[in-house]
Amino acid sequence: MIGSFFVQIRNGYIFEAQLKHYRVMAMLGLIIVLFVAAIVCAFVLPNEKVSNHEKDWDV
């Protein structure tokens, strides 16, 4: 019964729930970092580097 709570890896046993927790937290961290990076890049990068078309308010 105890064996069902563990996953066997080459050098020993890792608690399955703990392993899943780290995967979820790593994925959440990556999503948050990418989201913040996308917002920051919109303000940091000048528009001329991103596109060369005229802005709507300049037409």
N, C-alpha and C. Protein backbone atom coordinates (compact mmCIF):
# COMPACT_ATOMS: atom_id res chain seq x y z
N MET A 1 0.81 -1.19 0.00
CA MET A 1 0.00 0.00 0.00
C MET A 1 0.86 1.26 0.00
N ILE A 2 1.94 1.25 0.76
CA ILE A 2 2.81 2.43 0.80
C ILE A 2 3.48 2.64 -0.56
N GLY A 3 3.77 1.56 -1.25
CA GLY A 3 4.44 1.66 -2.55
C GLY A 3 3.63 2.44 -3.57
N SER A 4 2.31 2.49 -3.43
CA SER A 4 1.50 3.22 -4.40
C SER A 4 1.67 4.73 -4.28
N PHE A 5 2.20 5.20 -3.15
CA PHE A 5 2.39 6.64 -2.96
C PHE A 5 3.74 7.12 -3.47
N PHE A 6 4.58 6.21 -3.92
CA PHE A 6 5.93 6.57 -4.33
C PHE A 6 6.15 6.24 -5.80
N VAL A 7 7.02 7.01 -6.43
CA VAL A 7 7.42 6.75 -7.81
C VAL A 7 8.89 6.37 -7.77
N GLN A 8 9.24 5.26 -8.43
CA GLN A 8 10.64 4.84 -8.40
C GLN A 8 11.42 5.57 -9.47
N ILE A 9 12.52 6.19 -9.07
CA ILE A 9 13.43 6.85 -10.00
C ILE A 9 14.77 6.14 -9.85
N ARG A 10 15.72 6.35 -10.75
CA ARG A 10 16.97 5.58 -10.79
C ARG A 10 17.66 5.48 -9.44
N ASN A 11 17.81 6.59 -8.74
CA ASN A 11 18.60 6.58 -7.52
C ASN A 11 17.77 6.50 -6.25
N GLY A 12 16.51 6.22 -6.33
CA GLY A 12 15.71 6.13 -5.11
C GLY A 12 14.25 6.42 -5.38
N TYR A 13 13.58 6.89 -4.33
CA TYR A 13 12.15 7.16 -4.41
C TYR A 13 11.89 8.64 -4.16
N ILE A 14 10.95 9.19 -4.90
CA ILE A 14 10.53 10.58 -4.71
C ILE A 14 9.04 10.55 -4.43
N PHE A 15 8.62 11.32 -3.46
CA PHE A 15 7.21 11.37 -3.10
C PHE A 15 6.44 11.99 -4.26
N GLU A 16 5.45 11.28 -4.77
CA GLU A 16 4.75 11.68 -5.99
C GLU A 16 4.04 13.02 -5.85
N ALA A 17 3.38 13.24 -4.73
CA ALA A 17 2.64 14.49 -4.54
C ALA A 17 3.60 15.68 -4.52
N GLN A 18 4.76 15.50 -3.92
CA GLN A 18 5.74 16.58 -3.86
C GLN A 18 6.28 16.87 -5.26
N LEU A 19 6.51 15.84 -6.05
CA LEU A 19 6.99 16.00 -7.41
C LEU A 19 5.97 16.76 -8.25
N LYS A 20 4.70 16.41 -8.14
CA LYS A 20 3.66 17.10 -8.89
C LYS A 20 3.55 18.55 -8.45
N HIS A 21 3.72 18.81 -7.15
CA HIS A 21 3.63 20.17 -6.62
C HIS A 21 4.72 21.04 -7.24
N TYR A 22 5.94 20.54 -7.33
CA TYR A 22 7.03 21.31 -7.91
C TYR A 22 6.81 21.57 -9.40
N ARG A 23 6.25 20.60 -10.10
CA ARG A 23 5.96 20.81 -11.52
C ARG A 23 4.91 21.89 -11.73
N VAL A 24 3.87 21.86 -10.92
CA VAL A 24 2.81 22.87 -11.04
C VAL A 24 3.35 24.25 -10.70
N MET A 25 4.14 24.35 -9.64
CA MET A 25 4.70 25.64 -9.25
C MET A 25 5.68 26.16 -10.29
N ALA A 26 6.46 25.28 -10.90
CA ALA A 26 7.40 25.70 -11.94
C ALA A 26 6.64 26.21 -13.17
N MET A 27 5.58 25.52 -13.54
CA MET A 27 4.78 25.95 -14.69
C MET A 27 4.09 27.28 -14.42
N LEU A 28 3.56 27.44 -13.22
CA LEU A 28 2.93 28.71 -12.85
C LEU A 28 3.94 29.84 -12.85
N GLY A 29 5.12 29.59 -12.32
CA GLY A 29 6.17 30.60 -12.32
C GLY A 29 6.56 31.01 -13.73
N LEU A 30 6.69 30.03 -14.62
CA LEU A 30 7.04 30.33 -16.01
C LEU A 30 5.97 31.15 -16.69
N ILE A 31 4.71 30.82 -16.48
CA ILE A 31 3.60 31.57 -17.08
C ILE A 31 3.60 33.00 -16.58
N ILE A 32 3.80 33.20 -15.28
CA ILE A 32 3.80 34.55 -14.72
C ILE A 32 4.98 35.36 -15.26
N VAL A 33 6.16 34.75 -15.34
CA VAL A 33 7.33 35.46 -15.86
C VAL A 33 7.13 35.86 -17.31
N LEU A 34 6.60 34.97 -18.13
CA LEU A 34 6.36 35.30 -19.54
C LEU A 34 5.29 36.38 -19.69
N PHE A 35 4.26 36.35 -18.86
CA PHE A 35 3.20 37.36 -18.91
C PHE A 35 3.76 38.73 -18.56
N VAL A 36 4.54 38.80 -17.49
CA VAL A 36 5.13 40.08 -17.08
C VAL A 36 6.13 40.56 -18.13
N ALA A 37 6.91 39.66 -18.70
CA ALA A 37 7.87 40.04 -19.73
C ALA A 37 7.17 40.61 -20.96
N ALA A 38 6.04 40.06 -21.34
CA ALA A 38 5.29 40.58 -22.49
C ALA A 38 4.79 41.99 -22.23
N ILE A 39 4.31 42.24 -21.02
CA ILE A 39 3.82 43.58 -20.68
C ILE A 39 4.98 44.58 -20.63
N VAL A 40 6.09 44.18 -20.02
CA VAL A 40 7.24 45.08 -19.90
C VAL A 40 7.83 45.39 -21.28
N CYS A 41 7.91 44.40 -22.15
CA CYS A 41 8.46 44.62 -23.49
C CYS A 41 7.62 45.60 -24.30
N ALA A 42 6.33 45.62 -24.07
CA ALA A 42 5.47 46.55 -24.79
C ALA A 42 5.82 48.00 -24.45
N PHE A 43 6.30 48.25 -23.25
CA PHE A 43 6.67 49.60 -22.85
C PHE A 43 8.14 49.90 -23.10
N VAL A 44 9.00 48.90 -23.01
CA VAL A 44 10.44 49.12 -23.13
C VAL A 44 10.87 49.25 -24.58
N LEU A 45 10.40 48.37 -25.45
CA LEU A 45 10.80 48.41 -26.85
C LEU A 45 10.14 49.58 -27.56
N PRO A 46 10.90 50.37 -28.29
CA PRO A 46 10.28 51.46 -29.06
C PRO A 46 9.47 50.89 -30.23
N ASN A 47 8.44 51.59 -30.61
CA ASN A 47 7.54 51.11 -31.66
C ASN A 47 8.26 50.99 -33.00
N GLU A 48 9.27 51.81 -33.25
CA GLU A 48 9.98 51.76 -34.52
C GLU A 48 10.70 50.42 -34.70
N LYS A 49 11.12 49.81 -33.60
CA LYS A 49 11.81 48.52 -33.69
C LYS A 49 10.82 47.38 -33.93
N VAL A 50 9.57 47.57 -33.53
CA VAL A 50 8.58 46.51 -33.65
C VAL A 50 7.89 46.55 -35.00
N SER A 51 7.48 47.75 -35.42
CA SER A 51 6.78 47.87 -36.70
C SER A 51 7.12 49.21 -37.33
N ASN A 52 6.93 49.30 -38.65
CA ASN A 52 7.27 50.55 -39.35
C ASN A 52 6.03 51.23 -39.94
N HIS A 53 4.84 50.76 -39.62
CA HIS A 53 3.64 51.41 -40.15
C HIS A 53 3.28 52.62 -39.29
N GLU A 54 2.50 53.55 -39.88
CA GLU A 54 2.12 54.76 -39.15
C GLU A 54 1.12 54.42 -38.05
N LYS A 55 1.21 55.17 -36.99
CA LYS A 55 0.25 54.99 -35.91
C LYS A 55 -1.09 55.59 -36.34
N ASP A 56 -2.17 55.11 -35.76
CA ASP A 56 -3.50 55.59 -36.12
C ASP A 56 -3.66 57.07 -35.81
N TRP A 57 -3.07 57.53 -34.72
CA TRP A 57 -3.26 58.93 -34.35
C TRP A 57 -2.35 59.87 -35.14
N ASP A 58 -1.39 59.34 -35.92
CA ASP A 58 -0.54 60.18 -36.76
C ASP A 58 -1.11 60.35 -38.16
N VAL A 59 -2.10 59.59 -38.54
CA VAL A 59 -2.65 59.62 -39.90
C VAL A 59 -3.56 60.81 -40.06
